[in-house]
Each structure stands twice: as structure tokens, then as C-alpha cells.
Full PDB file with SEQRES, HELIX, SHEET, SSBOND, CRYST1, ORIGX, SCALE, CONECT and MASTER records, all heavy atoms in Angstrom:
SEQRES   1 A   32  VAL TRP LEU ARG TYR PRO ASP LYS ALA ALA ALA GLY GLY          
SEQRES   2 A   32  ARG TRP ALA ALA ALA SER TYR THR ILE SER GLN GLU GLU          
SEQRES   3 A   32  GLY ARG PRO TRP ALA LEU                                      
SHEET    1 AA1 3 TRP A   2  ARG A   4  0                                        
SHEET    2 AA1 3 ALA A  18  ILE A  22 -1                                        
SHEET    3 AA1 3 TRP A  30  ALA A  31 -1                                        
CRYST1    1.000    1.000    1.000  90.00  90.00  90.00 P 1           1          
ORIGX1      1.000000  0.000000  0.000000        0.00000                         
ORIGX2      0.000000  1.000000  0.000000        0.00000                         
ORIGX3      0.000000  0.000000  1.000000        0.00000                         
SCALE1      1.000000  0.000000  0.000000        0.00000                         
SCALE2      0.000000  1.000000  0.000000        0.00000                         
SCALE3      0.000000  0.000000  1.000000        0.00000                         
ATOM      1  N   VAL A   1      10.904  37.853  -9.358  1.00  0.00           N  
ATOM      2  CA  VAL A   1      11.264  39.284  -9.497  1.00  0.00           C  
ATOM      3  C   VAL A   1      12.773  39.452  -9.082  1.00  0.00           C  
ATOM      4  O   VAL A   1      13.155  38.785  -8.228  1.00  0.00           O  
ATOM      5  CB  VAL A   1      10.392  40.177  -8.676  1.00  0.00           C  
ATOM      6  CG1 VAL A   1      10.588  39.855  -7.237  1.00  0.00           C  
ATOM      7  CG2 VAL A   1      10.471  41.627  -9.080  1.00  0.00           C  
ATOM      8  N   TRP A   2      13.396  40.464  -9.725  1.00  0.00           N  
ATOM      9  CA  TRP A   2      14.875  40.643  -9.416  1.00  0.00           C  
ATOM     10  C   TRP A   2      14.910  42.232  -9.058  1.00  0.00           C  
ATOM     11  O   TRP A   2      14.802  43.094  -9.885  1.00  0.00           O  
ATOM     12  CB  TRP A   2      15.652  40.421 -10.626  1.00  0.00           C  
ATOM     13  CG  TRP A   2      17.205  40.526 -10.360  1.00  0.00           C  
ATOM     14  CD1 TRP A   2      17.733  40.822  -9.155  1.00  0.00           C  
ATOM     15  CD2 TRP A   2      18.251  40.067 -11.172  1.00  0.00           C  
ATOM     16  NE1 TRP A   2      19.136  40.719  -9.183  1.00  0.00           N  
ATOM     17  CE2 TRP A   2      19.388  40.295 -10.535  1.00  0.00           C  
ATOM     18  CE3 TRP A   2      18.300  39.554 -12.483  1.00  0.00           C  
ATOM     19  CZ2 TRP A   2      20.606  39.948 -11.077  1.00  0.00           C  
ATOM     20  CZ3 TRP A   2      19.476  39.326 -13.059  1.00  0.00           C  
ATOM     21  CH2 TRP A   2      20.657  39.458 -12.309  1.00  0.00           C  
ATOM     22  N   LEU A   3      15.102  42.505  -7.778  1.00  0.00           N  
ATOM     23  CA  LEU A   3      15.238  43.800  -7.253  1.00  0.00           C  
ATOM     24  C   LEU A   3      16.683  44.144  -7.253  1.00  0.00           C  
ATOM     25  O   LEU A   3      17.514  43.488  -6.699  1.00  0.00           O  
ATOM     26  CB  LEU A   3      14.725  43.842  -5.806  1.00  0.00           C  
ATOM     27  CG  LEU A   3      14.818  45.221  -5.053  1.00  0.00           C  
ATOM     28  CD1 LEU A   3      14.024  46.310  -5.829  1.00  0.00           C  
ATOM     29  CD2 LEU A   3      14.298  45.058  -3.620  1.00  0.00           C  
ATOM     30  N   ARG A   4      17.012  45.365  -7.883  1.00  0.00           N  
ATOM     31  CA  ARG A   4      18.391  45.800  -7.965  1.00  0.00           C  
ATOM     32  C   ARG A   4      18.479  47.255  -7.593  1.00  0.00           C  
ATOM     33  O   ARG A   4      17.581  48.080  -7.880  1.00  0.00           O  
ATOM     34  CB  ARG A   4      18.878  45.656  -9.444  1.00  0.00           C  
ATOM     35  CG  ARG A   4      18.913  44.248  -9.912  1.00  0.00           C  
ATOM     36  CD  ARG A   4      19.239  44.115 -11.451  1.00  0.00           C  
ATOM     37  NE  ARG A   4      20.482  44.638 -11.707  1.00  0.00           N  
ATOM     38  CZ  ARG A   4      21.592  43.911 -11.723  1.00  0.00           C  
ATOM     39  NH1 ARG A   4      21.587  42.720 -11.301  1.00  0.00           N  
ATOM     40  NH2 ARG A   4      22.715  44.588 -12.089  1.00  0.00           N  
ATOM     41  N   TYR A   5      19.594  47.630  -6.841  1.00  0.00           N  
ATOM     42  CA  TYR A   5      19.770  48.977  -6.366  1.00  0.00           C  
ATOM     43  C   TYR A   5      21.220  49.297  -6.089  1.00  0.00           C  
ATOM     44  O   TYR A   5      21.996  48.350  -5.949  1.00  0.00           O  
ATOM     45  CB  TYR A   5      18.918  49.166  -5.079  1.00  0.00           C  
ATOM     46  CG  TYR A   5      19.368  48.406  -3.963  1.00  0.00           C  
ATOM     47  CD1 TYR A   5      20.183  48.940  -2.810  1.00  0.00           C  
ATOM     48  CD2 TYR A   5      19.106  47.035  -3.827  1.00  0.00           C  
ATOM     49  CE1 TYR A   5      20.593  48.199  -1.728  1.00  0.00           C  
ATOM     50  CE2 TYR A   5      19.549  46.240  -2.725  1.00  0.00           C  
ATOM     51  CZ  TYR A   5      20.284  46.850  -1.707  1.00  0.00           C  
ATOM     52  OH  TYR A   5      20.735  46.111  -0.709  1.00  0.00           O  
ATOM     53  N   PRO A   6      21.655  50.499  -6.151  1.00  0.00           N  
ATOM     54  CA  PRO A   6      23.178  50.849  -5.883  1.00  0.00           C  
ATOM     55  C   PRO A   6      23.447  50.842  -4.415  1.00  0.00           C  
ATOM     56  O   PRO A   6      22.486  50.578  -3.548  1.00  0.00           O  
ATOM     57  CB  PRO A   6      23.166  52.376  -6.428  1.00  0.00           C  
ATOM     58  CG  PRO A   6      21.758  52.857  -6.265  1.00  0.00           C  
ATOM     59  CD  PRO A   6      20.896  51.692  -6.521  1.00  0.00           C  
ATOM     60  N   ASP A   7      24.742  51.064  -4.108  1.00  0.00           N  
ATOM     61  CA  ASP A   7      25.089  50.904  -2.735  1.00  0.00           C  
ATOM     62  C   ASP A   7      24.897  52.122  -1.905  1.00  0.00           C  
ATOM     63  O   ASP A   7      25.249  52.088  -0.677  1.00  0.00           O  
ATOM     64  CB  ASP A   7      26.619  50.483  -2.606  1.00  0.00           C  
ATOM     65  CG  ASP A   7      27.485  51.511  -3.334  1.00  0.00           C  
ATOM     66  OD1 ASP A   7      27.065  52.582  -3.678  1.00  0.00           O  
ATOM     67  OD2 ASP A   7      28.778  51.252  -3.424  1.00  0.00           O  
ATOM     68  N   LYS A   8      24.337  53.264  -2.433  1.00  0.00           N  
ATOM     69  CA  LYS A   8      24.098  54.341  -1.572  1.00  0.00           C  
ATOM     70  C   LYS A   8      23.018  55.181  -2.248  1.00  0.00           C  
ATOM     71  O   LYS A   8      22.800  55.092  -3.518  1.00  0.00           O  
ATOM     72  CB  LYS A   8      25.296  55.210  -1.325  1.00  0.00           C  
ATOM     73  CG  LYS A   8      25.943  55.738  -2.555  1.00  0.00           C  
ATOM     74  CD  LYS A   8      27.248  56.600  -2.274  1.00  0.00           C  
ATOM     75  CE  LYS A   8      27.932  57.211  -3.505  1.00  0.00           C  
ATOM     76  NZ  LYS A   8      29.132  57.880  -3.114  1.00  0.00           N  
ATOM     77  N   ALA A   9      22.357  56.086  -1.413  1.00  0.00           N  
ATOM     78  CA  ALA A   9      21.300  57.014  -1.927  1.00  0.00           C  
ATOM     79  C   ALA A   9      21.894  58.186  -2.692  1.00  0.00           C  
ATOM     80  O   ALA A   9      23.090  58.473  -2.443  1.00  0.00           O  
ATOM     81  CB  ALA A   9      20.448  57.439  -0.812  1.00  0.00           C  
ATOM     82  N   ALA A  10      21.145  58.677  -3.555  1.00  0.00           N  
ATOM     83  CA  ALA A  10      21.626  59.910  -4.288  1.00  0.00           C  
ATOM     84  C   ALA A  10      21.441  61.129  -3.442  1.00  0.00           C  
ATOM     85  O   ALA A  10      20.809  61.116  -2.336  1.00  0.00           O  
ATOM     86  CB  ALA A  10      20.828  59.943  -5.648  1.00  0.00           C  
ATOM     87  N   ALA A  11      21.826  62.272  -3.893  1.00  0.00           N  
ATOM     88  CA  ALA A  11      21.645  63.556  -3.175  1.00  0.00           C  
ATOM     89  C   ALA A  11      20.298  63.832  -3.125  1.00  0.00           C  
ATOM     90  O   ALA A  11      19.518  63.729  -3.990  1.00  0.00           O  
ATOM     91  CB  ALA A  11      22.328  64.614  -3.961  1.00  0.00           C  
ATOM     92  N   GLY A  12      19.957  64.248  -1.926  1.00  0.00           N  
ATOM     93  CA  GLY A  12      18.412  64.477  -1.580  1.00  0.00           C  
ATOM     94  C   GLY A  12      17.827  63.315  -0.917  1.00  0.00           C  
ATOM     95  O   GLY A  12      16.621  63.459  -0.470  1.00  0.00           O  
ATOM     96  N   GLY A  13      18.569  62.257  -0.701  1.00  0.00           N  
ATOM     97  CA  GLY A  13      18.096  61.143  -0.005  1.00  0.00           C  
ATOM     98  C   GLY A  13      17.271  60.020  -0.682  1.00  0.00           C  
ATOM     99  O   GLY A  13      16.873  59.023  -0.203  1.00  0.00           O  
ATOM    100  N   ARG A  14      16.952  60.317  -2.078  1.00  0.00           N  
ATOM    101  CA  ARG A  14      16.246  59.280  -2.843  1.00  0.00           C  
ATOM    102  C   ARG A  14      17.156  58.069  -3.252  1.00  0.00           C  
ATOM    103  O   ARG A  14      18.235  58.379  -3.633  1.00  0.00           O  
ATOM    104  CB  ARG A  14      15.737  59.921  -4.065  1.00  0.00           C  
ATOM    105  CG  ARG A  14      14.726  58.941  -4.782  1.00  0.00           C  
ATOM    106  CD  ARG A  14      14.125  59.636  -6.085  1.00  0.00           C  
ATOM    107  NE  ARG A  14      13.232  58.661  -6.772  1.00  0.00           N  
ATOM    108  CZ  ARG A  14      13.516  57.743  -7.578  1.00  0.00           C  
ATOM    109  NH1 ARG A  14      14.829  57.643  -7.965  1.00  0.00           N  
ATOM    110  NH2 ARG A  14      12.628  57.006  -8.206  1.00  0.00           N  
ATOM    111  N   TRP A  15      16.671  56.958  -2.969  1.00  0.00           N  
ATOM    112  CA  TRP A  15      17.559  55.762  -3.136  1.00  0.00           C  
ATOM    113  C   TRP A  15      16.919  55.036  -4.367  1.00  0.00           C  
ATOM    114  O   TRP A  15      15.911  54.312  -4.242  1.00  0.00           O  
ATOM    115  CB  TRP A  15      17.526  54.810  -2.009  1.00  0.00           C  
ATOM    116  CG  TRP A  15      18.744  53.915  -1.888  1.00  0.00           C  
ATOM    117  CD1 TRP A  15      19.347  53.271  -2.945  1.00  0.00           C  
ATOM    118  CD2 TRP A  15      19.568  53.655  -0.750  1.00  0.00           C  
ATOM    119  NE1 TRP A  15      20.413  52.568  -2.590  1.00  0.00           N  
ATOM    120  CE2 TRP A  15      20.642  52.719  -1.164  1.00  0.00           C  
ATOM    121  CE3 TRP A  15      19.369  53.835   0.606  1.00  0.00           C  
ATOM    122  CZ2 TRP A  15      21.516  52.194  -0.252  1.00  0.00           C  
ATOM    123  CZ3 TRP A  15      20.418  53.375   1.548  1.00  0.00           C  
ATOM    124  CH2 TRP A  15      21.423  52.476   0.999  1.00  0.00           C  
ATOM    125  N   ALA A  16      17.522  55.291  -5.589  1.00  0.00           N  
ATOM    126  CA  ALA A  16      16.926  54.620  -6.720  1.00  0.00           C  
ATOM    127  C   ALA A  16      16.878  53.123  -6.657  1.00  0.00           C  
ATOM    128  O   ALA A  16      17.897  52.483  -6.179  1.00  0.00           O  
ATOM    129  CB  ALA A  16      17.723  55.040  -7.958  1.00  0.00           C  
ATOM    130  N   ALA A  17      15.982  52.483  -7.286  1.00  0.00           N  
ATOM    131  CA  ALA A  17      15.913  50.988  -7.360  1.00  0.00           C  
ATOM    132  C   ALA A  17      15.046  50.563  -8.376  1.00  0.00           C  
ATOM    133  O   ALA A  17      14.212  51.517  -8.984  1.00  0.00           O  
ATOM    134  CB  ALA A  17      15.393  50.427  -6.029  1.00  0.00           C  
ATOM    135  N   ALA A  18      15.070  49.404  -8.892  1.00  0.00           N  
ATOM    136  CA  ALA A  18      14.374  48.894 -10.039  1.00  0.00           C  
ATOM    137  C   ALA A  18      14.160  47.457  -9.860  1.00  0.00           C  
ATOM    138  O   ALA A  18      14.998  46.747  -9.368  1.00  0.00           O  
ATOM    139  CB  ALA A  18      15.030  49.237 -11.348  1.00  0.00           C  
ATOM    140  N   SER A  19      12.911  46.982 -10.231  1.00  0.00           N  
ATOM    141  CA  SER A  19      12.619  45.557 -10.211  1.00  0.00           C  
ATOM    142  C   SER A  19      12.421  45.121 -11.693  1.00  0.00           C  
ATOM    143  O   SER A  19      11.859  45.874 -12.466  1.00  0.00           O  
ATOM    144  CB  SER A  19      11.315  45.261  -9.352  1.00  0.00           C  
ATOM    145  OG  SER A  19      10.248  45.954  -9.808  1.00  0.00           O  
ATOM    146  N   TYR A  20      12.882  43.887 -11.954  1.00  0.00           N  
ATOM    147  CA  TYR A  20      12.867  43.369 -13.308  1.00  0.00           C  
ATOM    148  C   TYR A  20      12.197  41.927 -13.322  1.00  0.00           C  
ATOM    149  O   TYR A  20      12.282  41.260 -12.281  1.00  0.00           O  
ATOM    150  CB  TYR A  20      14.323  43.164 -13.874  1.00  0.00           C  
ATOM    151  CG  TYR A  20      15.025  44.556 -14.031  1.00  0.00           C  
ATOM    152  CD1 TYR A  20      15.677  45.133 -12.949  1.00  0.00           C  
ATOM    153  CD2 TYR A  20      14.985  45.224 -15.294  1.00  0.00           C  
ATOM    154  CE1 TYR A  20      16.421  46.323 -13.248  1.00  0.00           C  
ATOM    155  CE2 TYR A  20      15.624  46.433 -15.465  1.00  0.00           C  
ATOM    156  CZ  TYR A  20      16.264  47.014 -14.404  1.00  0.00           C  
ATOM    157  OH  TYR A  20      17.014  48.125 -14.582  1.00  0.00           O  
ATOM    158  N   THR A  21      11.556  41.640 -14.393  1.00  0.00           N  
ATOM    159  CA  THR A  21      10.988  40.324 -14.638  1.00  0.00           C  
ATOM    160  C   THR A  21      11.594  39.836 -15.829  1.00  0.00           C  
ATOM    161  O   THR A  21      12.136  40.503 -16.721  1.00  0.00           O  
ATOM    162  CB  THR A  21       9.477  40.350 -14.727  1.00  0.00           C  
ATOM    163  OG1 THR A  21       9.096  41.327 -15.737  1.00  0.00           O  
ATOM    164  CG2 THR A  21       8.899  40.864 -13.375  1.00  0.00           C  
ATOM    165  N   ILE A  22      11.525  38.422 -16.085  1.00  0.00           N  
ATOM    166  CA  ILE A  22      12.014  37.733 -17.294  1.00  0.00           C  
ATOM    167  C   ILE A  22      11.250  38.336 -18.496  1.00  0.00           C  
ATOM    168  O   ILE A  22      10.053  38.290 -18.554  1.00  0.00           O  
ATOM    169  CB  ILE A  22      11.945  36.240 -17.138  1.00  0.00           C  
ATOM    170  CG1 ILE A  22      12.851  35.861 -16.052  1.00  0.00           C  
ATOM    171  CG2 ILE A  22      12.396  35.573 -18.399  1.00  0.00           C  
ATOM    172  CD1 ILE A  22      12.735  34.355 -15.670  1.00  0.00           C  
ATOM    173  N   SER A  23      11.979  38.701 -19.474  1.00  0.00           N  
ATOM    174  CA  SER A  23      11.347  39.295 -20.675  1.00  0.00           C  
ATOM    175  C   SER A  23      11.017  38.220 -21.714  1.00  0.00           C  
ATOM    176  O   SER A  23      11.727  37.232 -21.882  1.00  0.00           O  
ATOM    177  CB  SER A  23      12.356  40.225 -21.346  1.00  0.00           C  
ATOM    178  OG  SER A  23      11.865  40.840 -22.570  1.00  0.00           O  
ATOM    179  N   GLN A  24       9.982  38.474 -22.541  1.00  0.00           N  
ATOM    180  CA  GLN A  24       9.714  37.584 -23.622  1.00  0.00           C  
ATOM    181  C   GLN A  24      10.341  38.166 -25.008  1.00  0.00           C  
ATOM    182  O   GLN A  24      10.068  37.627 -25.973  1.00  0.00           O  
ATOM    183  CB  GLN A  24       8.113  37.599 -23.677  1.00  0.00           C  
ATOM    184  CG  GLN A  24       7.470  36.819 -22.569  1.00  0.00           C  
ATOM    185  CD  GLN A  24       7.936  35.379 -22.418  1.00  0.00           C  
ATOM    186  OE1 GLN A  24       7.799  34.536 -23.331  1.00  0.00           O  
ATOM    187  NE2 GLN A  24       8.656  35.120 -21.325  1.00  0.00           N  
ATOM    188  N   GLU A  25      10.861  39.315 -24.841  1.00  0.00           N  
ATOM    189  CA  GLU A  25      11.325  40.000 -26.115  1.00  0.00           C  
ATOM    190  C   GLU A  25      12.692  39.373 -26.507  1.00  0.00           C  
ATOM    191  O   GLU A  25      13.601  39.142 -25.743  1.00  0.00           O  
ATOM    192  CB  GLU A  25      11.601  41.439 -25.731  1.00  0.00           C  
ATOM    193  CG  GLU A  25      12.134  42.263 -26.972  1.00  0.00           C  
ATOM    194  CD  GLU A  25      12.381  43.699 -26.687  1.00  0.00           C  
ATOM    195  OE1 GLU A  25      11.774  44.140 -25.596  1.00  0.00           O  
ATOM    196  OE2 GLU A  25      12.984  44.380 -27.381  1.00  0.00           O  
ATOM    197  N   GLU A  26      12.910  38.845 -27.712  1.00  0.00           N  
ATOM    198  CA  GLU A  26      13.987  38.206 -28.173  1.00  0.00           C  
ATOM    199  C   GLU A  26      15.155  39.133 -28.093  1.00  0.00           C  
ATOM    200  O   GLU A  26      15.221  40.306 -28.560  1.00  0.00           O  
ATOM    201  CB  GLU A  26      13.750  37.687 -29.536  1.00  0.00           C  
ATOM    202  CG  GLU A  26      14.905  36.835 -30.059  1.00  0.00           C  
ATOM    203  CD  GLU A  26      14.618  36.197 -31.486  1.00  0.00           C  
ATOM    204  OE1 GLU A  26      13.453  36.334 -31.948  1.00  0.00           O  
ATOM    205  OE2 GLU A  26      15.436  35.609 -32.007  1.00  0.00           O  
ATOM    206  N   GLY A  27      16.329  38.648 -27.535  1.00  0.00           N  
ATOM    207  CA  GLY A  27      17.565  39.423 -27.534  1.00  0.00           C  
ATOM    208  C   GLY A  27      17.697  40.229 -26.241  1.00  0.00           C  
ATOM    209  O   GLY A  27      18.697  40.777 -25.963  1.00  0.00           O  
ATOM    210  N   ARG A  28      16.551  40.357 -25.506  1.00  0.00           N  
ATOM    211  CA  ARG A  28      16.641  41.149 -24.186  1.00  0.00           C  
ATOM    212  C   ARG A  28      16.127  40.284 -23.012  1.00  0.00           C  
ATOM    213  O   ARG A  28      14.880  39.943 -22.935  1.00  0.00           O  
ATOM    214  CB  ARG A  28      15.764  42.316 -24.358  1.00  0.00           C  
ATOM    215  CG  ARG A  28      15.851  43.370 -23.133  1.00  0.00           C  
ATOM    216  CD  ARG A  28      14.958  44.482 -23.362  1.00  0.00           C  
ATOM    217  NE  ARG A  28      15.037  45.415 -22.207  1.00  0.00           N  
ATOM    218  CZ  ARG A  28      14.281  46.459 -22.033  1.00  0.00           C  
ATOM    219  NH1 ARG A  28      13.323  46.837 -23.057  1.00  0.00           N  
ATOM    220  NH2 ARG A  28      14.355  47.242 -21.000  1.00  0.00           N  
ATOM    221  N   PRO A  29      16.902  39.755 -22.162  1.00  0.00           N  
ATOM    222  CA  PRO A  29      16.646  38.853 -21.209  1.00  0.00           C  
ATOM    223  C   PRO A  29      15.731  39.328 -20.068  1.00  0.00           C  
ATOM    224  O   PRO A  29      14.822  38.576 -19.610  1.00  0.00           O  
ATOM    225  CB  PRO A  29      18.006  38.277 -20.573  1.00  0.00           C  
ATOM    226  CG  PRO A  29      18.845  39.479 -20.785  1.00  0.00           C  
ATOM    227  CD  PRO A  29      18.471  40.099 -22.147  1.00  0.00           C  
ATOM    228  N   TRP A  30      15.880  40.668 -19.700  1.00  0.00           N  
ATOM    229  CA  TRP A  30      15.111  41.196 -18.532  1.00  0.00           C  
ATOM    230  C   TRP A  30      14.317  42.391 -18.925  1.00  0.00           C  
ATOM    231  O   TRP A  30      14.897  43.221 -19.711  1.00  0.00           O  
ATOM    232  CB  TRP A  30      16.024  41.451 -17.403  1.00  0.00           C  
ATOM    233  CG  TRP A  30      16.572  40.249 -16.803  1.00  0.00           C  
ATOM    234  CD1 TRP A  30      17.700  39.644 -17.110  1.00  0.00           C  
ATOM    235  CD2 TRP A  30      15.946  39.338 -15.761  1.00  0.00           C  
ATOM    236  NE1 TRP A  30      17.925  38.448 -16.496  1.00  0.00           N  
ATOM    237  CE2 TRP A  30      16.908  38.315 -15.535  1.00  0.00           C  
ATOM    238  CE3 TRP A  30      14.831  39.369 -15.088  1.00  0.00           C  
ATOM    239  CZ2 TRP A  30      16.598  37.303 -14.621  1.00  0.00           C  
ATOM    240  CZ3 TRP A  30      14.477  38.400 -14.114  1.00  0.00           C  
ATOM    241  CH2 TRP A  30      15.485  37.387 -13.905  1.00  0.00           C  
ATOM    242  N   ALA A  31      13.058  42.511 -18.462  1.00  0.00           N  
ATOM    243  CA  ALA A  31      12.255  43.615 -18.765  1.00  0.00           C  
ATOM    244  C   ALA A  31      12.004  44.438 -17.458  1.00  0.00           C  
ATOM    245  O   ALA A  31      11.811  43.812 -16.453  1.00  0.00           O  
ATOM    246  CB  ALA A  31      10.901  43.250 -19.380  1.00  0.00           C  
ATOM    247  N   LEU A  32      12.113  45.707 -17.571  1.00  0.00           N  
ATOM    248  CA  LEU A  32      11.794  46.544 -16.326  1.00  0.00           C  
ATOM    249  C   LEU A  32      10.387  46.478 -15.999  1.00  0.00           C  
ATOM    250  O   LEU A  32       9.491  46.822 -16.760  1.00  0.00           O  
ATOM    251  CB  LEU A  32      12.208  48.035 -16.738  1.00  0.00           C  
ATOM    252  CG  LEU A  32      11.927  49.040 -15.608  1.00  0.00           C  
ATOM    253  CD1 LEU A  32      12.841  48.828 -14.358  1.00  0.00           C  
ATOM    254  CD2 LEU A  32      12.251  50.467 -16.085  1.00  0.00           C  
TER     255      LEU A  32                                                      
MASTER        0    0    0    0    3    0    0    6  254    1    0    3          
END                                                                             
């Protein structure tokens, strides 16, 4: 798994983040 997030939280305190896995879709390496 690849966890990715920005260097600071957004207004309101929510810190956006997303995890990705290797995709099986041709032309797209990573799937959310």
C-alpha cells in the first residue's frame, strides 16, 4: 500500500490523505 498526504491540514483541521494499490488497469499504474 502507498499512503500519501500533503504537508499540512486543510482549514477546519481535516488532514486529507489517500492510500493507493498497484492497479491492473492498463495505462494507469496506481488505483485509489
